Protein backbone atom coordinates (compact mmCIF):
# COMPACT_ATOMS: atom_id res chain seq x y z
CA MET A 1 133.57 23.05 -174.77
CA THR A 2 135.53 26.24 -175.46
CA VAL A 3 134.53 29.55 -176.76
CA GLU A 4 135.90 28.68 -180.26
CA ASP A 5 133.84 25.32 -180.23
CA GLU A 6 130.78 27.53 -179.83
CA ARG A 7 132.03 29.83 -182.51
CA SER A 8 132.62 26.99 -184.78
CA GLY A 9 129.01 25.88 -184.43
CA SER A 10 128.98 23.42 -181.57
CA HIS A 11 125.33 23.38 -180.12
CA THR A 12 124.50 23.13 -176.30
CA THR A 13 122.59 20.19 -175.08
CA SER A 14 118.80 20.26 -174.07
CA SER A 15 119.86 19.89 -170.44
CA SER A 16 122.14 22.98 -170.46
CA ARG A 17 119.16 24.87 -172.33
CA SER A 18 116.97 24.08 -169.68
CA GLY A 19 119.70 24.89 -166.90
CA GLY A 20 120.14 28.22 -168.73
CA GLN A 21 116.65 29.18 -168.51
CA GLU A 22 116.28 28.08 -164.96
CA ALA A 23 119.48 30.26 -164.28
CA ALA A 24 118.06 33.02 -166.17
CA ARG A 25 114.85 33.00 -164.10
CA ALA A 26 117.13 33.22 -160.89
CA VAL A 27 118.82 36.31 -162.12
CA LEU A 28 115.45 37.81 -163.05
CA ASP A 29 113.99 37.23 -159.54
CA LYS A 30 116.75 39.38 -157.93
CA ALA A 31 114.94 42.42 -159.31
CA ALA A 32 112.50 42.46 -156.46
CA HIS A 33 115.27 43.11 -154.02
CA GLU A 34 116.54 46.30 -155.73
CA ASN A 35 116.42 49.72 -154.32
CA PHE A 36 114.21 50.83 -156.86
CA PRO A 37 111.40 49.69 -159.11
CA VAL A 38 113.05 47.90 -162.06
CA ALA A 39 109.70 47.56 -164.35
CA PRO A 40 106.96 48.48 -162.33
CA PHE A 41 103.32 47.14 -163.29
CA PHE A 42 102.13 50.87 -164.76
CA LEU A 43 104.16 50.91 -167.43
CA PRO A 44 103.38 49.61 -171.02
CA ARG A 45 104.03 46.02 -171.33
CA ALA A 46 106.48 46.62 -174.38
CA TRP A 47 108.56 48.75 -171.85
CA ARG A 48 108.25 46.42 -168.99
CA THR A 49 109.79 43.64 -171.34
CA ASP A 50 112.30 45.70 -172.66
CA LEU A 51 113.54 46.94 -169.25
CA MET A 52 113.55 43.52 -167.66
CA ALA A 53 115.70 42.26 -170.53
CA VAL A 54 118.23 45.02 -169.79
CA TYR A 55 118.06 44.31 -166.00
CA GLY A 56 118.80 40.73 -166.75
CA TYR A 57 121.66 41.38 -168.93
CA ALA A 58 123.09 43.97 -166.13
CA ARG A 59 122.43 41.55 -163.30
CA LEU A 60 124.03 38.50 -165.12
CA VAL A 61 127.10 40.72 -165.98
CA ASP A 62 127.31 41.33 -162.21
CA ASP A 63 126.63 38.05 -161.13
CA ILE A 64 129.67 36.91 -163.10
CA GLY A 65 131.83 39.56 -161.91
CA ASP A 66 130.85 38.56 -158.31
CA GLY A 67 130.89 34.98 -158.74
CA ASP A 68 127.33 34.80 -157.94
CA LEU A 69 126.16 32.50 -160.73
CA ALA A 70 123.71 29.75 -160.24
CA PRO A 71 125.18 26.47 -159.35
CA GLY A 72 125.75 23.62 -161.71
CA GLY A 73 127.47 25.46 -164.54
CA ALA A 74 124.84 26.02 -166.66
CA ASP A 75 125.93 29.58 -167.82
CA ALA A 76 129.48 28.37 -168.38
CA GLU A 77 128.20 25.58 -170.52
CA LEU A 78 125.97 27.86 -172.57
CA LEU A 79 128.77 30.29 -173.06
CA GLY A 80 131.37 27.44 -174.24
CA VAL A 81 133.62 27.61 -171.24
CA ASP A 82 135.09 24.57 -169.65
CA ARG A 83 133.98 23.81 -166.36
CA GLU A 84 137.45 23.86 -165.19
CA ARG A 85 137.47 27.71 -166.03
CA ALA A 86 133.80 28.42 -165.03
CA ASP A 87 135.20 30.23 -161.75
CA ASP A 88 137.46 32.52 -163.75
CA ALA A 89 135.38 35.71 -163.96
CA LEU A 90 137.67 37.14 -166.50
CA VAL A 91 137.32 34.09 -168.81
CA MET A 92 133.61 34.04 -168.35
CA LEU A 93 133.32 37.90 -169.00
CA ASP A 94 135.38 37.40 -172.35
CA ALA A 95 132.79 34.57 -173.04
CA PHE A 96 129.97 36.78 -172.32
CA GLU A 97 131.21 39.73 -174.31
CA ALA A 98 131.57 37.16 -177.40
CA ASP A 99 127.85 36.17 -176.87
CA LEU A 100 126.67 39.63 -176.69
CA ARG A 101 128.24 40.45 -179.79
CA ARG A 102 126.27 38.01 -181.50
CA VAL A 103 123.18 40.18 -180.39
CA PHE A 104 124.28 42.82 -182.98
CA GLN A 105 125.07 40.40 -185.66
CA PRO A 106 122.25 39.49 -187.63
CA SER A 107 123.50 36.22 -189.01
CA ALA A 108 124.40 34.88 -185.51
CA GLU A 109 122.25 33.61 -182.61
CA PRO A 110 123.12 34.48 -179.06
CA CYS A 111 123.85 31.28 -176.86
CA HIS A 112 122.52 32.58 -173.45
CA PRO A 113 118.82 33.09 -173.11
CA LEU A 114 119.08 36.61 -171.53
CA LEU A 115 120.90 37.54 -174.46
CA ARG A 116 118.37 35.92 -176.67
CA ALA A 117 115.77 38.04 -174.88
CA LEU A 118 117.83 41.01 -175.36
CA ARG A 119 117.98 40.98 -178.89
CA PRO A 120 114.50 42.14 -179.81
CA THR A 121 114.87 45.01 -177.58
CA VAL A 122 118.25 46.16 -179.10
CA ARG A 123 116.67 45.91 -182.46
CA ARG A 124 113.35 47.73 -181.64
CA HIS A 125 115.22 50.65 -180.09
CA GLY A 126 118.48 50.74 -182.09
CA LEU A 127 120.52 50.25 -179.10
CA THR A 128 124.33 50.15 -179.63
CA PRO A 129 126.91 48.02 -178.06
CA GLU A 130 128.53 50.80 -176.10
CA PRO A 131 126.56 50.73 -172.87
CA PHE A 132 126.44 46.94 -172.73
CA LEU A 133 130.14 46.74 -173.35
CA GLY A 134 130.67 49.29 -170.45
CA LEU A 135 128.85 47.14 -168.03
CA ILE A 136 131.34 44.25 -168.79
CA GLU A 137 134.23 46.32 -168.63
CA ALA A 138 133.32 47.64 -165.14
CA ASN A 139 133.26 43.99 -164.06
CA ARG A 140 136.52 43.38 -165.57
CA GLN A 141 137.73 46.17 -163.47
CA ASP A 142 136.26 44.72 -160.36
CA GLN A 143 138.62 41.57 -161.17
CA ARG A 144 141.88 44.02 -161.20
CA VAL A 145 140.93 46.94 -158.94
CA ARG A 146 139.93 46.39 -155.31
CA ARG A 147 140.63 49.73 -154.09
CA TYR A 148 139.98 53.39 -154.99
CA ALA A 149 142.63 56.15 -154.06
CA THR A 150 140.25 59.31 -155.02
CA TYR A 151 136.61 60.15 -155.47
CA GLN A 152 137.21 60.96 -158.96
CA GLU A 153 138.41 57.38 -159.47
CA LEU A 154 135.19 56.08 -158.00
CA LEU A 155 133.21 58.52 -160.50
CA ASP A 156 135.31 56.93 -163.44
CA TYR A 157 134.25 53.43 -162.25
CA CYS A 158 130.55 54.58 -161.98
CA GLU A 159 130.65 55.58 -165.59
CA LEU A 160 131.22 52.15 -166.52
CA SER A 161 129.25 50.48 -163.85
CA ALA A 162 126.06 52.53 -163.39
CA ASN A 163 125.62 55.06 -166.09
CA PRO A 164 125.03 52.81 -169.05
CA VAL A 165 122.11 51.52 -167.35
CA GLY A 166 120.27 55.03 -167.13
CA ARG A 167 121.20 55.79 -170.92
CA LEU A 168 119.66 52.33 -171.93
CA VAL A 169 116.43 53.34 -170.02
CA LEU A 170 116.33 56.77 -172.01
CA GLY A 171 117.01 54.62 -175.17
CA ILE A 172 114.18 52.18 -174.47
CA THR A 173 111.59 55.10 -173.90
CA GLY A 174 112.78 57.25 -176.60
CA THR A 175 113.66 60.14 -174.54
CA THR A 176 117.38 60.55 -175.17
CA SER A 177 118.90 64.08 -175.20
CA PRO A 178 122.36 65.37 -174.13
CA GLU A 179 120.96 67.05 -171.21
CA ARG A 180 119.01 64.03 -170.11
CA LEU A 181 121.98 61.95 -170.46
CA ARG A 182 123.92 64.45 -167.96
CA LEU A 183 120.90 64.18 -165.50
CA SER A 184 120.64 60.30 -165.89
CA ASP A 185 124.25 60.04 -165.23
CA ALA A 186 124.17 62.12 -162.14
CA ILE A 187 121.28 59.85 -160.80
CA CYS A 188 122.95 56.56 -161.65
CA THR A 189 126.33 57.53 -160.08
CA ALA A 190 124.35 58.28 -156.91
CA LEU A 191 122.36 55.06 -156.96
CA GLN A 192 125.66 53.37 -157.47
CA ILE A 193 127.52 55.06 -154.52
CA VAL A 194 124.39 54.41 -152.39
CA GLU A 195 124.73 50.82 -152.95
CA HIS A 196 128.41 51.08 -152.06
CA ILE A 197 127.68 52.70 -148.91
CA GLN A 198 124.93 49.95 -148.01
CA ASP A 199 127.20 47.00 -148.96
CA VAL A 200 130.59 48.00 -147.13
CA ALA A 201 130.82 44.90 -145.21
CA GLU A 202 129.84 42.45 -148.16
CA ASP A 203 132.21 44.30 -150.46
CA LEU A 204 134.99 43.89 -147.93
CA ARG A 205 134.42 40.07 -147.81
CA ARG A 206 135.04 40.21 -151.52
CA ASP A 207 138.01 42.11 -150.72
CA ARG A 208 136.89 45.17 -152.63
CA ILE A 209 136.67 48.62 -150.91
CA TYR A 210 134.68 51.46 -152.69
CA LEU A 211 135.22 53.90 -150.06
CA PRO A 212 137.92 56.31 -151.39
CA ALA A 213 141.12 56.14 -149.80
CA GLU A 214 141.88 59.43 -149.64
CA ASP A 215 138.46 60.09 -147.55
CA MET A 216 139.29 56.99 -145.17
CA LYS A 217 142.47 58.83 -144.44
CA ARG A 218 140.86 61.98 -143.75
CA PHE A 219 138.23 60.46 -141.41
CA GLY A 220 140.97 58.19 -139.69
CA VAL A 221 139.33 54.99 -140.96
CA THR A 222 141.36 51.91 -141.54
CA GLU A 223 140.58 48.66 -143.30
CA ALA A 224 140.45 46.87 -139.95
CA ASP A 225 137.53 49.32 -138.95
CA LEU A 226 135.30 48.03 -141.82
CA ALA A 227 135.81 44.31 -140.83
CA ALA A 228 134.54 45.21 -137.11
CA PRO A 229 131.06 43.88 -136.29
CA ARG A 230 129.72 47.64 -135.71
CA GLY A 231 130.96 51.02 -137.22
CA GLY A 232 132.73 53.04 -134.87
CA VAL A 233 132.22 57.07 -134.64
CA ARG A 234 134.99 57.71 -137.56
CA LEU A 235 133.65 55.19 -140.02
CA ARG A 236 129.91 56.50 -139.47
CA ALA A 237 131.14 59.81 -140.06
CA LEU A 238 132.82 58.80 -143.33
CA VAL A 239 129.65 56.79 -144.44
CA ALA A 240 127.63 59.93 -143.61
CA ARG A 241 130.19 62.21 -146.04
CA GLU A 242 129.75 59.68 -148.73
CA ALA A 243 125.97 59.80 -148.37
CA GLU A 244 125.95 63.52 -148.63
CA ARG A 245 127.79 63.08 -152.00
CA ALA A 246 125.28 60.82 -153.32
CA GLU A 247 122.29 63.03 -152.19
CA ALA A 248 124.04 66.03 -153.92
CA LEU A 249 124.15 63.75 -157.15
CA LEU A 250 120.43 62.75 -156.65
CA ASN A 251 119.43 66.49 -156.25
CA GLU A 252 121.55 67.39 -159.40
CA GLY A 253 119.95 64.70 -161.57
CA THR A 254 116.29 65.06 -160.27
CA PRO A 255 115.25 67.44 -162.85
CA LEU A 256 115.24 64.60 -165.21
CA VAL A 257 111.95 63.61 -163.68
CA GLY A 258 110.24 66.80 -164.44
CA SER A 259 111.68 66.90 -168.21
CA VAL A 260 109.40 63.82 -168.94
CA HIS A 261 105.56 63.20 -168.79
CA GLY A 262 103.25 60.25 -167.80
CA ARG A 263 104.24 57.06 -166.66
CA LEU A 264 107.93 57.66 -167.50
CA LYS A 265 107.91 60.39 -165.07
CA VAL A 266 106.58 58.06 -162.32
CA LEU A 267 109.28 55.62 -163.13
CA LEU A 268 112.08 58.05 -163.06
CA ALA A 269 110.67 59.35 -159.78
CA GLY A 270 110.85 55.86 -158.48
CA PHE A 271 114.68 55.58 -159.40
CA VAL A 272 115.29 58.76 -157.57
CA ALA A 273 113.05 57.74 -154.52
CA GLY A 274 114.96 54.46 -154.32
CA GLY A 275 117.98 56.31 -153.75
CA ARG A 276 116.59 58.83 -151.29
CA ALA A 277 114.77 56.15 -149.36
CA ALA A 278 117.90 54.00 -149.15
CA LEU A 279 119.80 57.17 -147.71
CA ARG A 280 117.12 57.74 -145.39
CA ALA A 281 117.42 53.91 -144.15
CA VAL A 282 121.34 54.56 -143.87
CA ALA A 283 120.71 57.74 -141.64
CA ALA A 284 118.27 55.99 -139.66
CA ALA A 285 120.67 53.13 -138.68
CA GLY A 286 123.05 56.01 -137.49
CA HIS A 287 125.21 55.62 -140.60
CA ASP A 288 126.41 52.27 -139.17
CA VAL A 289 126.21 49.90 -142.20
CA LEU A 290 128.44 47.03 -140.87
CA PRO A 291 125.78 44.87 -139.32
CA GLY A 292 123.93 44.59 -142.40
CA PRO A 293 122.63 46.84 -145.42
CA PRO A 294 120.22 49.10 -144.17
CA ARG A 295 117.05 48.83 -146.59
CA PRO A 296 114.21 51.29 -147.29
CA THR A 297 110.50 49.90 -146.41
CA LYS A 298 108.06 49.97 -149.25
CA LEU A 299 106.21 52.63 -147.42
CA SER A 300 109.15 54.97 -147.48
CA LEU A 301 109.89 54.38 -150.98
CA LEU A 302 106.31 55.50 -151.76
CA ARG A 303 106.51 58.49 -149.59
CA GLU A 304 109.76 59.55 -151.65
CA VAL A 305 108.18 58.90 -154.85
CA GLY A 306 105.32 60.98 -153.94
CA ALA A 307 107.70 63.80 -152.60
CA THR A 308 109.79 63.75 -155.85
CA LEU A 309 106.68 63.93 -158.02
CA ARG A 310 105.44 66.99 -156.02
CA ARG A 311 108.95 68.51 -156.33
CA GLU A 312 109.31 67.88 -160.29
CA GLY A 313 105.38 68.15 -161.08
């Protein structure tokens, strides 16, 4: 079945719908492994539902771009992509974008269950397509761009890959303002850089490097150094430098926490704390991220949440 078949009215089978539901649950299960709380229990139920809908969307887009979809081809079938082309990330992203656009069309019904779950969230909060499309475009860029020459190029990528998520959180919670958008962008870019730092080895296995080439040259780090079992002195110094940049962005964005009240303040403090706790874990590993991604403990995360709330209370 092709994308055009789907648009012309073909229906997915009950087995593909069942497989799609299982794949959707697998995507949402990944929320527990993020650096920050995605939709913690203390939030109002409506917020939790909407935040998980956005998370499911963002996670699925990344899984398509990374080739991490659940086996069996259910996602491809739901999106109207022939099995022979299901491994082509660009084809899948195009089909996913077509299905996303149905979310914003009153007379159309999305095919993928995660997009059907997203539609009520979009309608409740008047969300626009732009941030969702930005996340798709970031994953298209991942298929075409494997290296970043400068730190500015990396920031431009984060504008697509990370910042839309924070903008959606503000939209869902009804707290959007120009200043909050600016602060949110700083936090989201920082969190993306932290993730890149943690995942240097994993990204290299996908033939991607998110450490700016200009910085690698400055510290005398080669691609061969990134493939070693452990990080040498120069690589650890480079990781420390990128960690400093991420921390500076977190510091820049942290006043966002103090600009809101109640349970939203705790949620945003959790985002900031997740980044800070991850950076502490990287530092505790001596900035050697090659043996495996340094991850914060739940206790360290809670401590950082408390510290953030005290600073911004």
